[in-house]
Amino acid sequence: VTHSDKSLKRNLSFVWKAPDQPIGDI
C-alpha cells in the first residue's frame, strides 16, 4: 500500500489478509 495523494496523514488503519497456505512468522 502507498499514498495516493500528498494530503497530510497521521493515523491510518489497514487490514492485511494472510495467504491461505502457511508462510511462517511475519
mmCIF file of all heavy atoms, coordinates in Angstrom:
data_MODEL
# 
_entry.id   MODEL 
# 
loop_
_atom_site.group_PDB 
_atom_site.id 
_atom_site.type_symbol 
_atom_site.label_atom_id 
_atom_site.label_alt_id 
_atom_site.label_comp_id 
_atom_site.label_asym_id 
_atom_site.label_entity_id 
_atom_site.label_seq_id 
_atom_site.pdbx_PDB_ins_code 
_atom_site.Cartn_x 
_atom_site.Cartn_y 
_atom_site.Cartn_z 
_atom_site.occupancy 
_atom_site.B_iso_or_equiv 
_atom_site.pdbx_formal_charge 
_atom_site.auth_seq_id 
_atom_site.auth_comp_id 
_atom_site.auth_asym_id 
_atom_site.auth_atom_id 
_atom_site.pdbx_PDB_model_num 
ATOM 1   N N   . VAL A 1 1  ? 0.859  -1.183  0.000  1.00 0.00 ? 1  VAL A N   1 
ATOM 2   C CA  . VAL A 1 1  ? 0.000  0.000   0.000  1.00 0.00 ? 1  VAL A CA  1 
ATOM 3   C C   . VAL A 1 1  ? 0.895  1.232   0.000  1.00 0.00 ? 1  VAL A C   1 
ATOM 4   O O   . VAL A 1 1  ? 1.918  1.266   0.685  1.00 0.00 ? 1  VAL A O   1 
ATOM 5   C CB  . VAL A 1 1  ? -0.916 0.046   1.248  1.00 0.00 ? 1  VAL A CB  1 
ATOM 6   C CG1 . VAL A 1 1  ? -1.895 1.214   1.152  1.00 0.00 ? 1  VAL A CG1 1 
ATOM 7   C CG2 . VAL A 1 1  ? -1.673 -1.251  1.433  1.00 0.00 ? 1  VAL A CG2 1 
ATOM 8   N N   . THR A 1 2  ? 0.487  2.247   -0.762 1.00 0.00 ? 2  THR A N   1 
ATOM 9   C CA  . THR A 1 2  ? 1.193  3.524   -0.791 1.00 0.00 ? 2  THR A CA  1 
ATOM 10  C C   . THR A 1 2  ? 0.174  4.654   -0.749 1.00 0.00 ? 2  THR A C   1 
ATOM 11  O O   . THR A 1 2  ? -1.034 4.407   -0.841 1.00 0.00 ? 2  THR A O   1 
ATOM 12  C CB  . THR A 1 2  ? 2.105  3.640   -2.037 1.00 0.00 ? 2  THR A CB  1 
ATOM 13  O OG1 . THR A 1 2  ? 2.923  4.803   -1.919 1.00 0.00 ? 2  THR A OG1 1 
ATOM 14  C CG2 . THR A 1 2  ? 1.301  3.705   -3.323 1.00 0.00 ? 2  THR A CG2 1 
ATOM 15  N N   . HIS A 1 3  ? 0.662  5.868   -0.609 1.00 0.00 ? 3  HIS A N   1 
ATOM 16  C CA  . HIS A 1 3  ? -0.220 7.042   -0.614 1.00 0.00 ? 3  HIS A CA  1 
ATOM 17  C C   . HIS A 1 3  ? -0.727 7.298   -2.033 1.00 0.00 ? 3  HIS A C   1 
ATOM 18  O O   . HIS A 1 3  ? -0.065 6.959   -3.008 1.00 0.00 ? 3  HIS A O   1 
ATOM 19  C CB  . HIS A 1 3  ? 0.502  8.273   -0.064 1.00 0.00 ? 3  HIS A CB  1 
ATOM 20  C CG  . HIS A 1 3  ? 1.757  8.608   -0.816 1.00 0.00 ? 3  HIS A CG  1 
ATOM 21  N ND1 . HIS A 1 3  ? 2.922  7.874   -0.684 1.00 0.00 ? 3  HIS A ND1 1 
ATOM 22  C CD2 . HIS A 1 3  ? 2.035  9.576   -1.712 1.00 0.00 ? 3  HIS A CD2 1 
ATOM 23  C CE1 . HIS A 1 3  ? 3.848  8.381   -1.455 1.00 0.00 ? 3  HIS A CE1 1 
ATOM 24  N NE2 . HIS A 1 3  ? 3.345  9.424   -2.100 1.00 0.00 ? 3  HIS A NE2 1 
ATOM 25  N N   . SER A 1 4  ? -1.908 7.883   -2.141 1.00 0.00 ? 4  SER A N   1 
ATOM 26  C CA  . SER A 1 4  ? -2.450 8.223   -3.457 1.00 0.00 ? 4  SER A CA  1 
ATOM 27  C C   . SER A 1 4  ? -2.534 9.728   -3.660 1.00 0.00 ? 4  SER A C   1 
ATOM 28  O O   . SER A 1 4  ? -2.891 10.198  -4.730 1.00 0.00 ? 4  SER A O   1 
ATOM 29  C CB  . SER A 1 4  ? -3.838 7.602   -3.651 1.00 0.00 ? 4  SER A CB  1 
ATOM 30  O OG  . SER A 1 4  ? -4.737 8.102   -2.685 1.00 0.00 ? 4  SER A OG  1 
ATOM 31  N N   . ASP A 1 5  ? -2.214 10.484  -2.617 1.00 0.00 ? 5  ASP A N   1 
ATOM 32  C CA  . ASP A 1 5  ? -2.181 11.940  -2.719 1.00 0.00 ? 5  ASP A CA  1 
ATOM 33  C C   . ASP A 1 5  ? -1.191 12.459  -1.685 1.00 0.00 ? 5  ASP A C   1 
ATOM 34  O O   . ASP A 1 5  ? -0.664 11.697  -0.886 1.00 0.00 ? 5  ASP A O   1 
ATOM 35  C CB  . ASP A 1 5  ? -3.579 12.555  -2.530 1.00 0.00 ? 5  ASP A CB  1 
ATOM 36  C CG  . ASP A 1 5  ? -4.175 12.254  -1.167 1.00 0.00 ? 5  ASP A CG  1 
ATOM 37  O OD1 . ASP A 1 5  ? -3.445 12.229  -0.152 1.00 0.00 ? 5  ASP A OD1 1 
ATOM 38  O OD2 . ASP A 1 5  ? -5.400 12.034  -1.097 1.00 0.00 ? 5  ASP A OD2 1 
ATOM 39  N N   . LYS A 1 6  ? -0.933 13.751  -1.709 1.00 0.00 ? 6  LYS A N   1 
ATOM 40  C CA  . LYS A 1 6  ? 0.042  14.309  -0.764 1.00 0.00 ? 6  LYS A CA  1 
ATOM 41  C C   . LYS A 1 6  ? -0.619 14.996  0.416  1.00 0.00 ? 6  LYS A C   1 
ATOM 42  O O   . LYS A 1 6  ? 0.004  15.809  1.090  1.00 0.00 ? 6  LYS A O   1 
ATOM 43  C CB  . LYS A 1 6  ? 1.021  15.228  -1.487 1.00 0.00 ? 6  LYS A CB  1 
ATOM 44  C CG  . LYS A 1 6  ? 0.398  16.367  -2.229 1.00 0.00 ? 6  LYS A CG  1 
ATOM 45  C CD  . LYS A 1 6  ? 1.472  17.145  -2.971 1.00 0.00 ? 6  LYS A CD  1 
ATOM 46  C CE  . LYS A 1 6  ? 0.817  18.215  -3.823 1.00 0.00 ? 6  LYS A CE  1 
ATOM 47  N NZ  . LYS A 1 6  ? 1.781  18.957  -4.599 1.00 0.00 ? 6  LYS A NZ  1 
ATOM 48  N N   . SER A 1 7  ? -1.867 14.624  0.702  1.00 0.00 ? 7  SER A N   1 
ATOM 49  C CA  . SER A 1 7  ? -2.520 15.175  1.892  1.00 0.00 ? 7  SER A CA  1 
ATOM 50  C C   . SER A 1 7  ? -1.759 14.727  3.141  1.00 0.00 ? 7  SER A C   1 
ATOM 51  O O   . SER A 1 7  ? -1.105 13.681  3.146  1.00 0.00 ? 7  SER A O   1 
ATOM 52  C CB  . SER A 1 7  ? -3.978 14.704  1.971  1.00 0.00 ? 7  SER A CB  1 
ATOM 53  O OG  . SER A 1 7  ? -4.016 13.296  2.163  1.00 0.00 ? 7  SER A OG  1 
ATOM 54  N N   . LEU A 1 8  ? -1.823 15.539  4.191  1.00 0.00 ? 8  LEU A N   1 
ATOM 55  C CA  . LEU A 1 8  ? -1.123 15.206  5.423  1.00 0.00 ? 8  LEU A CA  1 
ATOM 56  C C   . LEU A 1 8  ? -1.848 14.071  6.143  1.00 0.00 ? 8  LEU A C   1 
ATOM 57  O O   . LEU A 1 8  ? -3.071 14.052  6.217  1.00 0.00 ? 8  LEU A O   1 
ATOM 58  C CB  . LEU A 1 8  ? -1.015 16.441  6.309  1.00 0.00 ? 8  LEU A CB  1 
ATOM 59  C CG  . LEU A 1 8  ? -0.212 17.590  5.699  1.00 0.00 ? 8  LEU A CG  1 
ATOM 60  C CD1 . LEU A 1 8  ? -0.185 18.786  6.635  1.00 0.00 ? 8  LEU A CD1 1 
ATOM 61  C CD2 . LEU A 1 8  ? 1.203  17.150  5.351  1.00 0.00 ? 8  LEU A CD2 1 
ATOM 62  N N   . LYS A 1 9  ? -1.060 13.123  6.657  1.00 0.00 ? 9  LYS A N   1 
ATOM 63  C CA  . LYS A 1 9  ? -1.596 11.939  7.314  1.00 0.00 ? 9  LYS A CA  1 
ATOM 64  C C   . LYS A 1 9  ? -0.990 11.813  8.711  1.00 0.00 ? 9  LYS A C   1 
ATOM 65  O O   . LYS A 1 9  ? 0.111  12.274  8.955  1.00 0.00 ? 9  LYS A O   1 
ATOM 66  C CB  . LYS A 1 9  ? -1.263 10.695  6.483  1.00 0.00 ? 9  LYS A CB  1 
ATOM 67  C CG  . LYS A 1 9  ? -1.858 10.727  5.084  1.00 0.00 ? 9  LYS A CG  1 
ATOM 68  C CD  . LYS A 1 9  ? -1.041 9.880   4.124  1.00 0.00 ? 9  LYS A CD  1 
ATOM 69  C CE  . LYS A 1 9  ? -1.502 9.997   2.698  1.00 0.00 ? 9  LYS A CE  1 
ATOM 70  N NZ  . LYS A 1 9  ? -1.335 11.302  2.095  1.00 0.00 ? 9  LYS A NZ  1 
ATOM 71  N N   . ARG A 1 10 ? -1.705 11.149  9.600  1.00 0.00 ? 10 ARG A N   1 
ATOM 72  C CA  . ARG A 1 10 ? -1.183 10.862  10.945 1.00 0.00 ? 10 ARG A CA  1 
ATOM 73  C C   . ARG A 1 10 ? -1.508 9.454   11.397 1.00 0.00 ? 10 ARG A C   1 
ATOM 74  O O   . ARG A 1 10 ? -0.627 8.719   11.793 1.00 0.00 ? 10 ARG A O   1 
ATOM 75  C CB  . ARG A 1 10 ? -1.747 11.847  11.971 1.00 0.00 ? 10 ARG A CB  1 
ATOM 76  C CG  . ARG A 1 10 ? -0.954 13.102  12.049 1.00 0.00 ? 10 ARG A CG  1 
ATOM 77  C CD  . ARG A 1 10 ? -1.125 13.761  13.374 1.00 0.00 ? 10 ARG A CD  1 
ATOM 78  N NE  . ARG A 1 10 ? -0.397 15.013  13.323 1.00 0.00 ? 10 ARG A NE  1 
ATOM 79  C CZ  . ARG A 1 10 ? 0.041  15.643  14.362 1.00 0.00 ? 10 ARG A CZ  1 
ATOM 80  N NH1 . ARG A 1 10 ? -0.197 15.193  15.551 1.00 0.00 ? 10 ARG A NH1 1 
ATOM 81  N NH2 . ARG A 1 10 ? 0.705  16.764  14.217 1.00 0.00 ? 10 ARG A NH2 1 
ATOM 82  N N   . ASN A 1 11 ? -2.783 9.099   11.408 1.00 0.00 ? 11 ASN A N   1 
ATOM 83  C CA  . ASN A 1 11 ? -3.224 7.810   11.922 1.00 0.00 ? 11 ASN A CA  1 
ATOM 84  C C   . ASN A 1 11 ? -3.972 7.062   10.831 1.00 0.00 ? 11 ASN A C   1 
ATOM 85  O O   . ASN A 1 11 ? -4.957 7.560   10.299 1.00 0.00 ? 11 ASN A O   1 
ATOM 86  C CB  . ASN A 1 11 ? -4.118 8.015   13.146 1.00 0.00 ? 11 ASN A CB  1 
ATOM 87  C CG  . ASN A 1 11 ? -3.386 8.766   14.245 1.00 0.00 ? 11 ASN A CG  1 
ATOM 88  O OD1 . ASN A 1 11 ? -2.264 8.430   14.589 1.00 0.00 ? 11 ASN A OD1 1 
ATOM 89  N ND2 . ASN A 1 11 ? -4.007 9.803   14.770 1.00 0.00 ? 11 ASN A ND2 1 
ATOM 90  N N   . LEU A 1 12 ? -3.483 5.879   10.505 1.00 0.00 ? 12 LEU A N   1 
ATOM 91  C CA  . LEU A 1 12 ? -4.050 5.099   9.410  1.00 0.00 ? 12 LEU A CA  1 
ATOM 92  C C   . LEU A 1 12 ? -4.342 3.676   9.868  1.00 0.00 ? 12 LEU A C   1 
ATOM 93  O O   . LEU A 1 12 ? -3.593 3.113   10.666 1.00 0.00 ? 12 LEU A O   1 
ATOM 94  C CB  . LEU A 1 12 ? -3.072 5.057   8.229  1.00 0.00 ? 12 LEU A CB  1 
ATOM 95  C CG  . LEU A 1 12 ? -2.609 6.398   7.656  1.00 0.00 ? 12 LEU A CG  1 
ATOM 96  C CD1 . LEU A 1 12 ? -1.506 6.173   6.620  1.00 0.00 ? 12 LEU A CD1 1 
ATOM 97  C CD2 . LEU A 1 12 ? -3.780 7.133   7.029  1.00 0.00 ? 12 LEU A CD2 1 
ATOM 98  N N   . SER A 1 13 ? -5.415 3.100   9.334  1.00 0.00 ? 13 SER A N   1 
ATOM 99  C CA  . SER A 1 13 ? -5.783 1.717   9.647  1.00 0.00 ? 13 SER A CA  1 
ATOM 100 C C   . SER A 1 13 ? -5.908 0.916   8.360  1.00 0.00 ? 13 SER A C   1 
ATOM 101 O O   . SER A 1 13 ? -6.479 1.386   7.377  1.00 0.00 ? 13 SER A O   1 
ATOM 102 C CB  . SER A 1 13 ? -7.117 1.677   10.390 1.00 0.00 ? 13 SER A CB  1 
ATOM 103 O OG  . SER A 1 13 ? -7.014 2.335   11.623 1.00 0.00 ? 13 SER A OG  1 
ATOM 104 N N   . PHE A 1 14 ? -5.386 -0.300  8.386  1.00 0.00 ? 14 PHE A N   1 
ATOM 105 C CA  . PHE A 1 14 ? -5.385 -1.210  7.254  1.00 0.00 ? 14 PHE A CA  1 
ATOM 106 C C   . PHE A 1 14 ? -5.828 -2.586  7.732  1.00 0.00 ? 14 PHE A C   1 
ATOM 107 O O   . PHE A 1 14 ? -5.774 -2.881  8.931  1.00 0.00 ? 14 PHE A O   1 
ATOM 108 C CB  . PHE A 1 14 ? -3.969 -1.360  6.672  1.00 0.00 ? 14 PHE A CB  1 
ATOM 109 C CG  . PHE A 1 14 ? -3.311 -0.053  6.314  1.00 0.00 ? 14 PHE A CG  1 
ATOM 110 C CD1 . PHE A 1 14 ? -2.642 0.696   7.275  1.00 0.00 ? 14 PHE A CD1 1 
ATOM 111 C CD2 . PHE A 1 14 ? -3.361 0.429   5.010  1.00 0.00 ? 14 PHE A CD2 1 
ATOM 112 C CE1 . PHE A 1 14 ? -2.037 1.901   6.949  1.00 0.00 ? 14 PHE A CE1 1 
ATOM 113 C CE2 . PHE A 1 14 ? -2.751 1.626   4.672  1.00 0.00 ? 14 PHE A CE2 1 
ATOM 114 C CZ  . PHE A 1 14 ? -2.093 2.365   5.640  1.00 0.00 ? 14 PHE A CZ  1 
ATOM 115 N N   . VAL A 1 15 ? -6.211 -3.433  6.800  1.00 0.00 ? 15 VAL A N   1 
ATOM 116 C CA  . VAL A 1 15 ? -6.426 -4.854  7.104  1.00 0.00 ? 15 VAL A CA  1 
ATOM 117 C C   . VAL A 1 15 ? -5.644 -5.653  6.074  1.00 0.00 ? 15 VAL A C   1 
ATOM 118 O O   . VAL A 1 15 ? -5.808 -5.460  4.867  1.00 0.00 ? 15 VAL A O   1 
ATOM 119 C CB  . VAL A 1 15 ? -7.921 -5.244  7.077  1.00 0.00 ? 15 VAL A CB  1 
ATOM 120 C CG1 . VAL A 1 15 ? -8.078 -6.749  7.313  1.00 0.00 ? 15 VAL A CG1 1 
ATOM 121 C CG2 . VAL A 1 15 ? -8.708 -4.452  8.126  1.00 0.00 ? 15 VAL A CG2 1 
ATOM 122 N N   . TRP A 1 16 ? -4.794 -6.564  6.598  1.00 0.00 ? 16 TRP A N   1 
ATOM 123 C CA  . TRP A 1 16 ? -3.973 -7.438  5.771  1.00 0.00 ? 16 TRP A CA  1 
ATOM 124 C C   . TRP A 1 16 ? -4.539 -8.840  5.851  1.00 0.00 ? 16 TRP A C   1 
ATOM 125 O O   . TRP A 1 16 ? -4.915 -9.293  6.940  1.00 0.00 ? 16 TRP A O   1 
ATOM 126 C CB  . TRP A 1 16 ? -2.536 -7.407  6.287  1.00 0.00 ? 16 TRP A CB  1 
ATOM 127 C CG  . TRP A 1 16 ? -1.583 -8.349  5.626  1.00 0.00 ? 16 TRP A CG  1 
ATOM 128 C CD1 . TRP A 1 16 ? -0.945 -8.168  4.436  1.00 0.00 ? 16 TRP A CD1 1 
ATOM 129 C CD2 . TRP A 1 16 ? -1.132 -9.610  6.132  1.00 0.00 ? 16 TRP A CD2 1 
ATOM 130 N NE1 . TRP A 1 16 ? -0.121 -9.232  4.176  1.00 0.00 ? 16 TRP A NE1 1 
ATOM 131 C CE2 . TRP A 1 16 ? -0.229 -10.129 5.202  1.00 0.00 ? 16 TRP A CE2 1 
ATOM 132 C CE3 . TRP A 1 16 ? -1.411 -10.341 7.285  1.00 0.00 ? 16 TRP A CE3 1 
ATOM 133 C CZ2 . TRP A 1 16 ? 0.413  -11.367 5.375  1.00 0.00 ? 16 TRP A CZ2 1 
ATOM 134 C CZ3 . TRP A 1 16 ? -0.788 -11.564 7.467  1.00 0.00 ? 16 TRP A CZ3 1 
ATOM 135 C CH2 . TRP A 1 16 ? 0.115  -12.068 6.520  1.00 0.00 ? 16 TRP A CH2 1 
ATOM 136 N N   . LYS A 1 17 ? -4.606 -9.529  4.719  1.00 0.00 ? 17 LYS A N   1 
ATOM 137 C CA  . LYS A 1 17 ? -5.088 -10.910 4.690  1.00 0.00 ? 17 LYS A CA  1 
ATOM 138 C C   . LYS A 1 17 ? -3.910 -11.831 4.434  1.00 0.00 ? 17 LYS A C   1 
ATOM 139 O O   . LYS A 1 17 ? -3.188 -11.690 3.437  1.00 0.00 ? 17 LYS A O   1 
ATOM 140 C CB  . LYS A 1 17 ? -6.146 -11.104 3.610  1.00 0.00 ? 17 LYS A CB  1 
ATOM 141 C CG  . LYS A 1 17 ? -6.741 -12.514 3.613  1.00 0.00 ? 17 LYS A CG  1 
ATOM 142 C CD  . LYS A 1 17 ? -7.803 -12.666 2.546  1.00 0.00 ? 17 LYS A CD  1 
ATOM 143 C CE  . LYS A 1 17 ? -8.414 -14.052 2.579  1.00 0.00 ? 17 LYS A CE  1 
ATOM 144 N NZ  . LYS A 1 17 ? -7.491 -15.129 2.273  1.00 0.00 ? 17 LYS A NZ  1 
ATOM 145 N N   . ALA A 1 18 ? -3.732 -12.768 5.355  1.00 0.00 ? 18 ALA A N   1 
ATOM 146 C CA  . ALA A 1 18 ? -2.665 -13.756 5.215  1.00 0.00 ? 18 ALA A CA  1 
ATOM 147 C C   . ALA A 1 18 ? -2.998 -14.711 4.073  1.00 0.00 ? 18 ALA A C   1 
ATOM 148 O O   . ALA A 1 18 ? -4.168 -15.009 3.832  1.00 0.00 ? 18 ALA A O   1 
ATOM 149 C CB  . ALA A 1 18 ? -2.511 -14.541 6.519  1.00 0.00 ? 18 ALA A CB  1 
ATOM 150 N N   . PRO A 1 19 ? -1.974 -15.201 3.385  1.00 0.00 ? 19 PRO A N   1 
ATOM 151 C CA  . PRO A 1 19 ? -2.232 -16.219 2.355  1.00 0.00 ? 19 PRO A CA  1 
ATOM 152 C C   . PRO A 1 19 ? -2.899 -17.444 2.976  1.00 0.00 ? 19 PRO A C   1 
ATOM 153 O O   . PRO A 1 19 ? -2.760 -17.697 4.171  1.00 0.00 ? 19 PRO A O   1 
ATOM 154 C CB  . PRO A 1 19 ? -0.836 -16.574 1.835  1.00 0.00 ? 19 PRO A CB  1 
ATOM 155 C CG  . PRO A 1 19 ? 0.026  -15.407 2.203  1.00 0.00 ? 19 PRO A CG  1 
ATOM 156 C CD  . PRO A 1 19 ? -0.551 -14.864 3.478  1.00 0.00 ? 19 PRO A CD  1 
ATOM 157 N N   . ASP A 1 20 ? -3.606 -18.200 2.150  1.00 0.00 ? 20 ASP A N   1 
ATOM 158 C CA  . ASP A 1 20 ? -4.291 -19.401 2.650  1.00 0.00 ? 20 ASP A CA  1 
ATOM 159 C C   . ASP A 1 20 ? -3.318 -20.528 2.992  1.00 0.00 ? 20 ASP A C   1 
ATOM 160 O O   . ASP A 1 20 ? -3.649 -21.404 3.784  1.00 0.00 ? 20 ASP A O   1 
ATOM 161 C CB  . ASP A 1 20 ? -5.325 -19.893 1.619  1.00 0.00 ? 20 ASP A CB  1 
ATOM 162 C CG  . ASP A 1 20 ? -6.482 -18.908 1.479  1.00 0.00 ? 20 ASP A CG  1 
ATOM 163 O OD1 . ASP A 1 20 ? -6.810 -18.218 2.470  1.00 0.00 ? 20 ASP A OD1 1 
ATOM 164 O OD2 . ASP A 1 20 ? -7.041 -18.820 0.371  1.00 0.00 ? 20 ASP A OD2 1 
ATOM 165 N N   . GLN A 1 21 ? -2.132 -20.513 2.398  1.00 0.00 ? 21 GLN A N   1 
ATOM 166 C CA  . GLN A 1 21 ? -1.122 -21.522 2.732  1.00 0.00 ? 21 GLN A CA  1 
ATOM 167 C C   . GLN A 1 21 ? -0.186 -20.962 3.807  1.00 0.00 ? 21 GLN A C   1 
ATOM 168 O O   . GLN A 1 21 ? 0.011  -19.748 3.893  1.00 0.00 ? 21 GLN A O   1 
ATOM 169 C CB  . GLN A 1 21 ? -0.343 -21.951 1.482  1.00 0.00 ? 21 GLN A CB  1 
ATOM 170 C CG  . GLN A 1 21 ? 0.644  -20.931 0.934  1.00 0.00 ? 21 GLN A CG  1 
ATOM 171 C CD  . GLN A 1 21 ? 0.010  -19.823 0.095  1.00 0.00 ? 21 GLN A CD  1 
ATOM 172 O OE1 . GLN A 1 21 ? -1.198 -19.756 -0.065 1.00 0.00 ? 21 GLN A OE1 1 
ATOM 173 N NE2 . GLN A 1 21 ? 0.842  -18.938 -0.429 1.00 0.00 ? 21 GLN A NE2 1 
ATOM 174 N N   . PRO A 1 22 ? 0.386  -21.815 4.642  1.00 0.00 ? 22 PRO A N   1 
ATOM 175 C CA  . PRO A 1 22 ? 1.303  -21.344 5.695  1.00 0.00 ? 22 PRO A CA  1 
ATOM 176 C C   . PRO A 1 22 ? 2.527  -20.642 5.105  1.00 0.00 ? 22 PRO A C   1 
ATOM 177 O O   . PRO A 1 22 ? 3.091  -21.094 4.112  1.00 0.00 ? 22 PRO A O   1 
ATOM 178 C CB  . PRO A 1 22 ? 1.728  -22.633 6.405  1.00 0.00 ? 22 PRO A CB  1 
ATOM 179 C CG  . PRO A 1 22 ? 0.682  -23.644 6.047  1.00 0.00 ? 22 PRO A CG  1 
ATOM 180 C CD  . PRO A 1 22 ? 0.184  -23.270 4.682  1.00 0.00 ? 22 PRO A CD  1 
ATOM 181 N N   . ILE A 1 23 ? 2.906  -19.524 5.732  1.00 0.00 ? 23 ILE A N   1 
ATOM 182 C CA  . ILE A 1 23 ? 4.101  -18.780 5.285  1.00 0.00 ? 23 ILE A CA  1 
ATOM 183 C C   . ILE A 1 23 ? 5.068  -18.505 6.432  1.00 0.00 ? 23 ILE A C   1 
ATOM 184 O O   . ILE A 1 23 ? 6.130  -17.951 6.226  1.00 0.00 ? 23 ILE A O   1 
ATOM 185 C CB  . ILE A 1 23 ? 3.729  -17.446 4.605  1.00 0.00 ? 23 ILE A CB  1 
ATOM 186 C CG1 . ILE A 1 23 ? 2.929  -16.550 5.554  1.00 0.00 ? 23 ILE A CG1 1 
ATOM 187 C CG2 . ILE A 1 23 ? 3.008  -17.688 3.289  1.00 0.00 ? 23 ILE A CG2 1 
ATOM 188 C CD1 . ILE A 1 23 ? 2.805  -15.113 5.094  1.00 0.00 ? 23 ILE A CD1 1 
ATOM 189 N N   . GLY A 1 24 ? 4.683  -18.840 7.662  1.00 0.00 ? 24 GLY A N   1 
ATOM 190 C CA  . GLY A 1 24 ? 5.554  -18.588 8.805  1.00 0.00 ? 24 GLY A CA  1 
ATOM 191 C C   . GLY A 1 24 ? 5.290  -17.216 9.412  1.00 0.00 ? 24 GLY A C   1 
ATOM 192 O O   . GLY A 1 24 ? 4.331  -16.528 9.056  1.00 0.00 ? 24 GLY A O   1 
ATOM 193 N N   . ASP A 1 25 ? 6.155  -16.833 10.335 1.00 0.00 ? 25 ASP A N   1 
ATOM 194 C CA  . ASP A 1 25 ? 6.016  -15.564 11.042 1.00 0.00 ? 25 ASP A CA  1 
ATOM 195 C C   . ASP A 1 25 ? 6.200  -14.396 10.074 1.00 0.00 ? 25 ASP A C   1 
ATOM 196 O O   . ASP A 1 25 ? 6.941  -14.496 9.091  1.00 0.00 ? 25 ASP A O   1 
ATOM 197 C CB  . ASP A 1 25 ? 7.065  -15.462 12.150 1.00 0.00 ? 25 ASP A CB  1 
ATOM 198 C CG  . ASP A 1 25 ? 6.919  -16.569 13.194 1.00 0.00 ? 25 ASP A CG  1 
ATOM 199 O OD1 . ASP A 1 25 ? 5.878  -17.270 13.192 1.00 0.00 ? 25 ASP A OD1 1 
ATOM 200 O OD2 . ASP A 1 25 ? 7.847  -16.733 13.996 1.00 0.00 ? 25 ASP A OD2 1 
ATOM 201 N N   . ILE A 1 26 ? 5.528  -13.293 10.380 1.00 0.00 ? 26 ILE A N   1 
ATOM 202 C CA  . ILE A 1 26 ? 5.631  -12.100 9.530  1.00 0.00 ? 26 ILE A CA  1 
ATOM 203 C C   . ILE A 1 26 ? 5.887  -10.864 10.387 1.00 0.00 ? 26 ILE A C   1 
ATOM 204 O O   . ILE A 1 26 ? 5.670  -10.864 11.596 1.00 0.00 ? 26 ILE A O   1 
ATOM 205 C CB  . ILE A 1 26 ? 4.356  -11.886 8.663  1.00 0.00 ? 26 ILE A CB  1 
ATOM 206 C CG1 . ILE A 1 26 ? 3.101  -11.784 9.535  1.00 0.00 ? 26 ILE A CG1 1 
ATOM 207 C CG2 . ILE A 1 26 ? 4.197  -12.962 7.632  1.00 0.00 ? 26 ILE A CG2 1 
ATOM 208 C CD1 . ILE A 1 26 ? 2.403  -10.489 9.350  1.00 0.00 ? 26 ILE A CD1 1 
# 
